[in-house]
């Protein structure tokens, strides 16, 4: 599991995928979402989905946990 540190109290799923270096642009994000992404165990296909500290994103074989910057 990788912690992804964010500065605010929210980040959008597409932004998180870029921050985690899993996507470099919109086309990559669309392909990843079509492949299958789960947020807190539920399937998700909206790149604008709001994520908050404590949320868990599963993509490919990666688990990403959203963490607030201290």
PDB file of N, CA and C in Angstrom:
ATOM      1  N   UNK A   1       0.840  -1.168   0.000  1.00  0.00           N
ATOM      2  CA  UNK A   1       0.000   0.000   0.000  1.00  0.00           C
ATOM      3  C   UNK A   1       0.891   1.239   0.000  1.00  0.00           C
ATOM      4  N   UNK A   2       0.510   2.196  -0.827  1.00  0.00           N
ATOM      5  CA  UNK A   2       1.248   3.455  -0.912  1.00  0.00           C
ATOM      6  C   UNK A   2       0.381   4.576  -0.371  1.00  0.00           C
ATOM      7  N   UNK A   3       0.959   5.407   0.487  1.00  0.00           N
ATOM      8  CA  UNK A   3       0.255   6.590   0.970  1.00  0.00           C
ATOM      9  C   UNK A   3       0.471   7.723  -0.018  1.00  0.00           C
ATOM     10  N   UNK A   4      -0.609   8.383  -0.403  1.00  0.00           N
ATOM     11  CA  UNK A   4      -0.538   9.548  -1.280  1.00  0.00           C
ATOM     12  C   UNK A   4      -0.948  10.744  -0.434  1.00  0.00           C
ATOM     13  N   UNK A   5       0.005  11.633  -0.188  1.00  0.00           N
ATOM     14  CA  UNK A   5      -0.217  12.775   0.689  1.00  0.00           C
ATOM     15  C   UNK A   5      -0.814  13.928  -0.119  1.00  0.00           C
ATOM     16  N   UNK A   6      -1.925  14.476   0.403  1.00  0.00           N
ATOM     17  CA  UNK A   6      -2.556  15.619  -0.252  1.00  0.00           C
ATOM     18  C   UNK A   6      -2.511  16.821   0.684  1.00  0.00           C
ATOM     19  N   UNK A   7      -2.548  18.020   0.092  1.00  0.00           N
ATOM     20  CA  UNK A   7      -2.454  19.243   0.887  1.00  0.00           C
ATOM     21  C   UNK A   7      -3.792  19.701   1.444  1.00  0.00           C
ATOM     22  N   UNK A   8      -4.861  19.530   0.698  1.00  0.00           N
ATOM     23  CA  UNK A   8      -6.168  19.977   1.175  1.00  0.00           C
ATOM     24  C   UNK A   8      -6.921  18.846   1.834  1.00  0.00           C
ATOM     25  N   UNK A   9      -8.248  19.017   1.893  1.00  0.00           N
ATOM     26  CA  UNK A   9      -9.066  17.968   2.490  1.00  0.00           C
ATOM     27  C   UNK A   9      -9.729  17.087   1.432  1.00  0.00           C
ATOM     28  N   UNK A  10      -9.405  17.334   0.133  1.00  0.00           N
ATOM     29  CA  UNK A  10     -10.033  16.581  -0.941  1.00  0.00           C
ATOM     30  C   UNK A  10      -9.133  16.598  -2.175  1.00  0.00           C
ATOM     31  N   UNK A  11      -9.187  15.507  -2.948  1.00  0.00           N
ATOM     32  CA  UNK A  11      -8.525  15.418  -4.242  1.00  0.00           C
ATOM     33  C   UNK A  11      -9.445  14.601  -5.147  1.00  0.00           C
ATOM     34  N   UNK A  12      -9.444  14.913  -6.418  1.00  0.00           N
ATOM     35  CA  UNK A  12     -10.268  14.154  -7.361  1.00  0.00           C
ATOM     36  C   UNK A  12      -9.491  12.916  -7.816  1.00  0.00           C
ATOM     37  N   UNK A  13     -10.229  11.881  -8.181  1.00  0.00           N
ATOM     38  CA  UNK A  13      -9.620  10.607  -8.548  1.00  0.00           C
ATOM     39  C   UNK A  13      -8.603  10.765  -9.678  1.00  0.00           C
ATOM     40  N   UNK A  14      -8.934  11.514 -10.713  1.00  0.00           N
ATOM     41  CA  UNK A  14      -8.007  11.725 -11.822  1.00  0.00           C
ATOM     42  C   UNK A  14      -6.712  12.376 -11.364  1.00  0.00           C
ATOM     43  N   UNK A  15      -6.818  13.354 -10.468  1.00  0.00           N
ATOM     44  CA  UNK A  15      -5.633  14.020  -9.940  1.00  0.00           C
ATOM     45  C   UNK A  15      -4.789  13.051  -9.113  1.00  0.00           C
ATOM     46  N   UNK A  16      -5.447  12.197  -8.366  1.00  0.00           N
ATOM     47  CA  UNK A  16      -4.725  11.221  -7.549  1.00  0.00           C
ATOM     48  C   UNK A  16      -3.936  10.259  -8.430  1.00  0.00           C
ATOM     49  N   UNK A  17      -4.537   9.816  -9.518  1.00  0.00           N
ATOM     50  CA  UNK A  17      -3.846   8.897 -10.422  1.00  0.00           C
ATOM     51  C   UNK A  17      -2.612   9.554 -11.018  1.00  0.00           C
ATOM     52  N   UNK A  18      -2.683  10.851 -11.317  1.00  0.00           N
ATOM     53  CA  UNK A  18      -1.515  11.577 -11.820  1.00  0.00           C
ATOM     54  C   UNK A  18      -0.464  11.716 -10.716  1.00  0.00           C
ATOM     55  N   UNK A  19      -0.904  12.087  -9.520  1.00  0.00           N
ATOM     56  CA  UNK A  19       0.017  12.277  -8.401  1.00  0.00           C
ATOM     57  C   UNK A  19       0.755  10.983  -8.056  1.00  0.00           C
ATOM     58  N   UNK A  20       0.091   9.854  -8.253  1.00  0.00           N
ATOM     59  CA  UNK A  20       0.691   8.543  -7.969  1.00  0.00           C
ATOM     60  C   UNK A  20       1.520   8.034  -9.150  1.00  0.00           C
ATOM     61  N   UNK A  21       1.652   8.858 -10.193  1.00  0.00           N
ATOM     62  CA  UNK A  21       2.414   8.507 -11.398  1.00  0.00           C
ATOM     63  C   UNK A  21       1.860   7.282 -12.120  1.00  0.00           C
ATOM     64  N   UNK A  22       0.547   7.085 -12.041  1.00  0.00           N
ATOM     65  CA  UNK A  22      -0.096   6.002 -12.774  1.00  0.00           C
ATOM     66  C   UNK A  22      -0.671   6.506 -14.093  1.00  0.00           C
ATOM     67  N   UNK A  23      -0.827   7.829 -14.221  1.00  0.00           N
ATOM     68  CA  UNK A  23      -1.379   8.429 -15.435  1.00  0.00           C
ATOM     69  C   UNK A  23      -0.660   9.742 -15.699  1.00  0.00           C
ATOM     70  N   UNK A  24      -0.529  10.075 -16.982  1.00  0.00           N
ATOM     71  CA  UNK A  24       0.105  11.353 -17.320  1.00  0.00           C
ATOM     72  C   UNK A  24      -0.881  12.340 -17.920  1.00  0.00           C
ATOM     73  N   UNK A  25      -2.064  11.880 -18.294  1.00  0.00           N
ATOM     74  CA  UNK A  25      -3.054  12.776 -18.874  1.00  0.00           C
ATOM     75  C   UNK A  25      -4.421  12.141 -18.915  1.00  0.00           C
ATOM     76  N   UNK A  26      -5.367  12.874 -19.519  1.00  0.00           N
ATOM     77  CA  UNK A  26      -6.752  12.432 -19.567  1.00  0.00           C
ATOM     78  C   UNK A  26      -6.962  11.101 -20.259  1.00  0.00           C
ATOM     79  N   UNK A  27      -6.221  10.843 -21.338  1.00  0.00           N
ATOM     80  CA  UNK A  27      -6.359   9.575 -22.052  1.00  0.00           C
ATOM     81  C   UNK A  27      -5.940   8.394 -21.194  1.00  0.00           C
ATOM     82  N   UNK A  28      -4.858   8.586 -20.451  1.00  0.00           N
ATOM     83  CA  UNK A  28      -4.401   7.529 -19.543  1.00  0.00           C
ATOM     84  C   UNK A  28      -5.436   7.270 -18.458  1.00  0.00           C
ATOM     85  N   UNK A  29      -5.989   8.341 -17.912  1.00  0.00           N
ATOM     86  CA  UNK A  29      -6.975   8.207 -16.838  1.00  0.00           C
ATOM     87  C   UNK A  29      -8.201   7.454 -17.340  1.00  0.00           C
ATOM     88  N   UNK A  30      -8.663   7.805 -18.537  1.00  0.00           N
ATOM     89  CA  UNK A  30      -9.836   7.132 -19.110  1.00  0.00           C
ATOM     90  C   UNK A  30      -9.574   5.635 -19.271  1.00  0.00           C
ATOM     91  N   UNK A  31      -8.396   5.283 -19.767  1.00  0.00           N
ATOM     92  CA  UNK A  31      -8.053   3.871 -19.959  1.00  0.00           C
ATOM     93  C   UNK A  31      -7.989   3.132 -18.616  1.00  0.00           C
ATOM     94  N   UNK A  32      -7.437   3.770 -17.614  1.00  0.00           N
ATOM     95  CA  UNK A  32      -7.343   3.152 -16.289  1.00  0.00           C
ATOM     96  C   UNK A  32      -8.735   2.913 -15.724  1.00  0.00           C
ATOM     97  N   UNK A  33      -9.618   3.901 -15.859  1.00  0.00           N
ATOM     98  CA  UNK A  33     -10.978   3.765 -15.334  1.00  0.00           C
ATOM     99  C   UNK A  33     -11.746   2.666 -16.061  1.00  0.00           C
ATOM    100  N   UNK A  34     -11.486   2.498 -17.356  1.00  0.00           N
ATOM    101  CA  UNK A  34     -12.135   1.429 -18.107  1.00  0.00           C
ATOM    102  C   UNK A  34     -11.615   0.061 -17.678  1.00  0.00           C
ATOM    103  N   UNK A  35     -10.349   0.008 -17.271  1.00  0.00           N
ATOM    104  CA  UNK A  35      -9.737  -1.247 -16.809  1.00  0.00           C
ATOM    105  C   UNK A  35     -10.357  -1.702 -15.490  1.00  0.00           C
ATOM    106  N   UNK A  36     -10.653  -0.738 -14.638  1.00  0.00           N
ATOM    107  CA  UNK A  36     -11.266  -1.064 -13.352  1.00  0.00           C
ATOM    108  C   UNK A  36     -10.562  -0.426 -12.177  1.00  0.00           C
ATOM    109  N   UNK A  37     -11.290   0.396 -11.457  1.00  0.00           N
ATOM    110  CA  UNK A  37     -10.786   1.068 -10.261  1.00  0.00           C
ATOM    111  C   UNK A  37     -11.817   0.863  -9.167  1.00  0.00           C
ATOM    112  N   UNK A  38     -11.329   0.649  -7.955  1.00  0.00           N
ATOM    113  CA  UNK A  38     -12.229   0.516  -6.808  1.00  0.00           C
ATOM    114  C   UNK A  38     -11.851   1.580  -5.780  1.00  0.00           C
ATOM    115  N   UNK A  39     -12.867   2.220  -5.226  1.00  0.00           N
ATOM    116  CA  UNK A  39     -12.666   3.197  -4.158  1.00  0.00           C
ATOM    117  C   UNK A  39     -13.404   2.670  -2.936  1.00  0.00           C
ATOM    118  N   UNK A  40     -12.660   2.445  -1.883  1.00  0.00           N
ATOM    119  CA  UNK A  40     -13.215   1.879  -0.650  1.00  0.00           C
ATOM    120  C   UNK A  40     -13.997   0.588  -0.939  1.00  0.00           C
ATOM    121  N   UNK A  41     -13.460  -0.205  -1.870  1.00  0.00           N
ATOM    122  CA  UNK A  41     -14.040  -1.500  -2.183  1.00  0.00           C
ATOM    123  C   UNK A  41     -15.161  -1.481  -3.209  1.00  0.00           C
ATOM    124  N   UNK A  42     -15.595  -0.301  -3.647  1.00  0.00           N
ATOM    125  CA  UNK A  42     -16.689  -0.185  -4.601  1.00  0.00           C
ATOM    126  C   UNK A  42     -16.150   0.228  -5.975  1.00  0.00           C
ATOM    127  N   UNK A  43     -16.674  -0.334  -7.058  1.00  0.00           N
ATOM    128  CA  UNK A  43     -16.229   0.066  -8.401  1.00  0.00           C
ATOM    129  C   UNK A  43     -16.486   1.555  -8.643  1.00  0.00           C
ATOM    130  N   UNK A  44     -15.560   2.209  -9.329  1.00  0.00           N
ATOM    131  CA  UNK A  44     -15.692   3.642  -9.607  1.00  0.00           C
ATOM    132  C   UNK A  44     -15.217   3.931 -11.022  1.00  0.00           C
ATOM    133  N   UNK A  45     -16.009   4.710 -11.774  1.00  0.00           N
ATOM    134  CA  UNK A  45     -15.602   5.057 -13.138  1.00  0.00           C
ATOM    135  C   UNK A  45     -15.641   6.562 -13.394  1.00  0.00           C
ATOM    136  N   UNK A  46     -15.793   7.359 -12.343  1.00  0.00           N
ATOM    137  CA  UNK A  46     -15.819   8.825 -12.488  1.00  0.00           C
ATOM    138  C   UNK A  46     -14.469   9.413 -12.095  1.00  0.00           C
ATOM    139  N   UNK A  47     -13.808  10.047 -13.037  1.00  0.00           N
ATOM    140  CA  UNK A  47     -12.504  10.620 -12.712  1.00  0.00           C
ATOM    141  C   UNK A  47     -12.619  11.827 -11.807  1.00  0.00           C
ATOM    142  N   UNK A  48     -13.808  12.418 -11.717  1.00  0.00           N
ATOM    143  CA  UNK A  48     -14.028  13.563 -10.846  1.00  0.00           C
ATOM    144  C   UNK A  48     -14.459  13.192  -9.444  1.00  0.00           C
ATOM    145  N   UNK A  49     -14.498  11.905  -9.134  1.00  0.00           N
ATOM    146  CA  UNK A  49     -14.892  11.434  -7.798  1.00  0.00           C
ATOM    147  C   UNK A  49     -14.015  12.092  -6.747  1.00  0.00           C
ATOM    148  N   UNK A  50     -14.649  12.677  -5.735  1.00  0.00           N
ATOM    149  CA  UNK A  50     -13.899  13.322  -4.666  1.00  0.00           C
ATOM    150  C   UNK A  50     -13.398  12.273  -3.677  1.00  0.00           C
ATOM    151  N   UNK A  51     -12.128  12.394  -3.341  1.00  0.00           N
ATOM    152  CA  UNK A  51     -11.502  11.497  -2.371  1.00  0.00           C
ATOM    153  C   UNK A  51     -11.040  12.329  -1.181  1.00  0.00           C
ATOM    154  N   UNK A  52     -11.130  11.735  -0.008  1.00  0.00           N
ATOM    155  CA  UNK A  52     -10.760  12.417   1.225  1.00  0.00           C
ATOM    156  C   UNK A  52      -9.761  11.554   1.995  1.00  0.00           C
ATOM    157  N   UNK A  53      -9.014  12.161   2.927  1.00  0.00           N
ATOM    158  CA  UNK A  53      -8.074  11.369   3.724  1.00  0.00           C
ATOM    159  C   UNK A  53      -8.763  10.138   4.320  1.00  0.00           C
ATOM    160  N   UNK A  54      -8.080   9.015   4.190  1.00  0.00           N
ATOM    161  CA  UNK A  54      -8.605   7.749   4.680  1.00  0.00           C
ATOM    162  C   UNK A  54      -9.193   6.878   3.582  1.00  0.00           C
ATOM    163  N   UNK A  55      -9.506   7.486   2.409  1.00  0.00           N
ATOM    164  CA  UNK A  55     -10.046   6.696   1.304  1.00  0.00           C
ATOM    165  C   UNK A  55      -8.968   5.783   0.733  1.00  0.00           C
ATOM    166  N   UNK A  56      -9.396   4.620   0.278  1.00  0.00           N
ATOM    167  CA  UNK A  56      -8.494   3.628  -0.298  1.00  0.00           C
ATOM    168  C   UNK A  56      -8.871   3.400  -1.764  1.00  0.00           C
ATOM    169  N   UNK A  57      -7.891   3.561  -2.651  1.00  0.00           N
ATOM    170  CA  UNK A  57      -8.107   3.379  -4.087  1.00  0.00           C
ATOM    171  C   UNK A  57      -7.297   2.168  -4.530  1.00  0.00           C
ATOM    172  N   UNK A  58      -7.962   1.244  -5.220  1.00  0.00           N
ATOM    173  CA  UNK A  58      -7.293   0.061  -5.755  1.00  0.00           C
ATOM    174  C   UNK A  58      -7.332   0.134  -7.264  1.00  0.00           C
ATOM    175  N   UNK A  59      -6.149   0.094  -7.883  1.00  0.00           N
ATOM    176  CA  UNK A  59      -6.025   0.147  -9.332  1.00  0.00           C
ATOM    177  C   UNK A  59      -4.886  -0.773  -9.742  1.00  0.00           C
ATOM    178  N   UNK A  60      -5.140  -1.593 -10.760  1.00  0.00           N
ATOM    179  CA  UNK A  60      -4.182  -2.641 -11.140  1.00  0.00           C
ATOM    180  C   UNK A  60      -3.874  -3.457  -9.894  1.00  0.00           C
ATOM    181  N   UNK A  61      -2.618  -3.611  -9.549  1.00  0.00           N
ATOM    182  CA  UNK A  61      -2.237  -4.335  -8.333  1.00  0.00           C
ATOM    183  C   UNK A  61      -1.773  -3.379  -7.248  1.00  0.00           C
ATOM    184  N   UNK A  62      -2.140  -2.115  -7.384  1.00  0.00           N
ATOM    185  CA  UNK A  62      -1.712  -1.078  -6.444  1.00  0.00           C
ATOM    186  C   UNK A  62      -2.850  -0.713  -5.502  1.00  0.00           C
ATOM    187  N   UNK A  63      -2.500  -0.444  -4.259  1.00  0.00           N
ATOM    188  CA  UNK A  63      -3.433   0.120  -3.290  1.00  0.00           C
ATOM    189  C   UNK A  63      -2.887   1.465  -2.867  1.00  0.00           C
ATOM    190  N   UNK A  64      -3.714   2.489  -3.018  1.00  0.00           N
ATOM    191  CA  UNK A  64      -3.315   3.862  -2.684  1.00  0.00           C
ATOM    192  C   UNK A  64      -4.215   4.376  -1.586  1.00  0.00           C
ATOM    193  N   UNK A  65      -3.612   4.876  -0.511  1.00  0.00           N
ATOM    194  CA  UNK A  65      -4.385   5.441   0.592  1.00  0.00           C
ATOM    195  C   UNK A  65      -4.175   6.957   0.601  1.00  0.00           C
ATOM    196  N   UNK A  66      -5.277   7.698   0.631  1.00  0.00           N
ATOM    197  CA  UNK A  66      -5.223   9.156   0.675  1.00  0.00           C
ATOM    198  C   UNK A  66      -4.920   9.585   2.117  1.00  0.00           C
ATOM    199  N   UNK A  67      -3.869  10.397   2.255  1.00  0.00           N
ATOM    200  CA  UNK A  67      -3.411  10.844   3.585  1.00  0.00           C
ATOM    201  C   UNK A  67      -3.281  12.357   3.554  1.00  0.00           C
ATOM    202  N   UNK A  68      -3.755  13.018   4.611  1.00  0.00           N
ATOM    203  CA  UNK A  68      -3.628  14.471   4.727  1.00  0.00           C
ATOM    204  C   UNK A  68      -2.208  14.840   5.103  1.00  0.00           C
ATOM    205  N   UNK A  69      -1.726  15.924   4.510  1.00  0.00           N
ATOM    206  CA  UNK A  69      -0.393  16.426   4.865  1.00  0.00           C
ATOM    207  C   UNK A  69      -0.428  16.925   6.302  1.00  0.00           C
ATOM    208  N   UNK A  70       0.561  16.528   7.101  1.00  0.00           N
ATOM    209  CA  UNK A  70       0.559  16.962   8.510  1.00  0.00           C
ATOM    210  C   UNK A  70       0.813  18.448   8.650  1.00  0.00           C
TER     211      UNK A  70
END
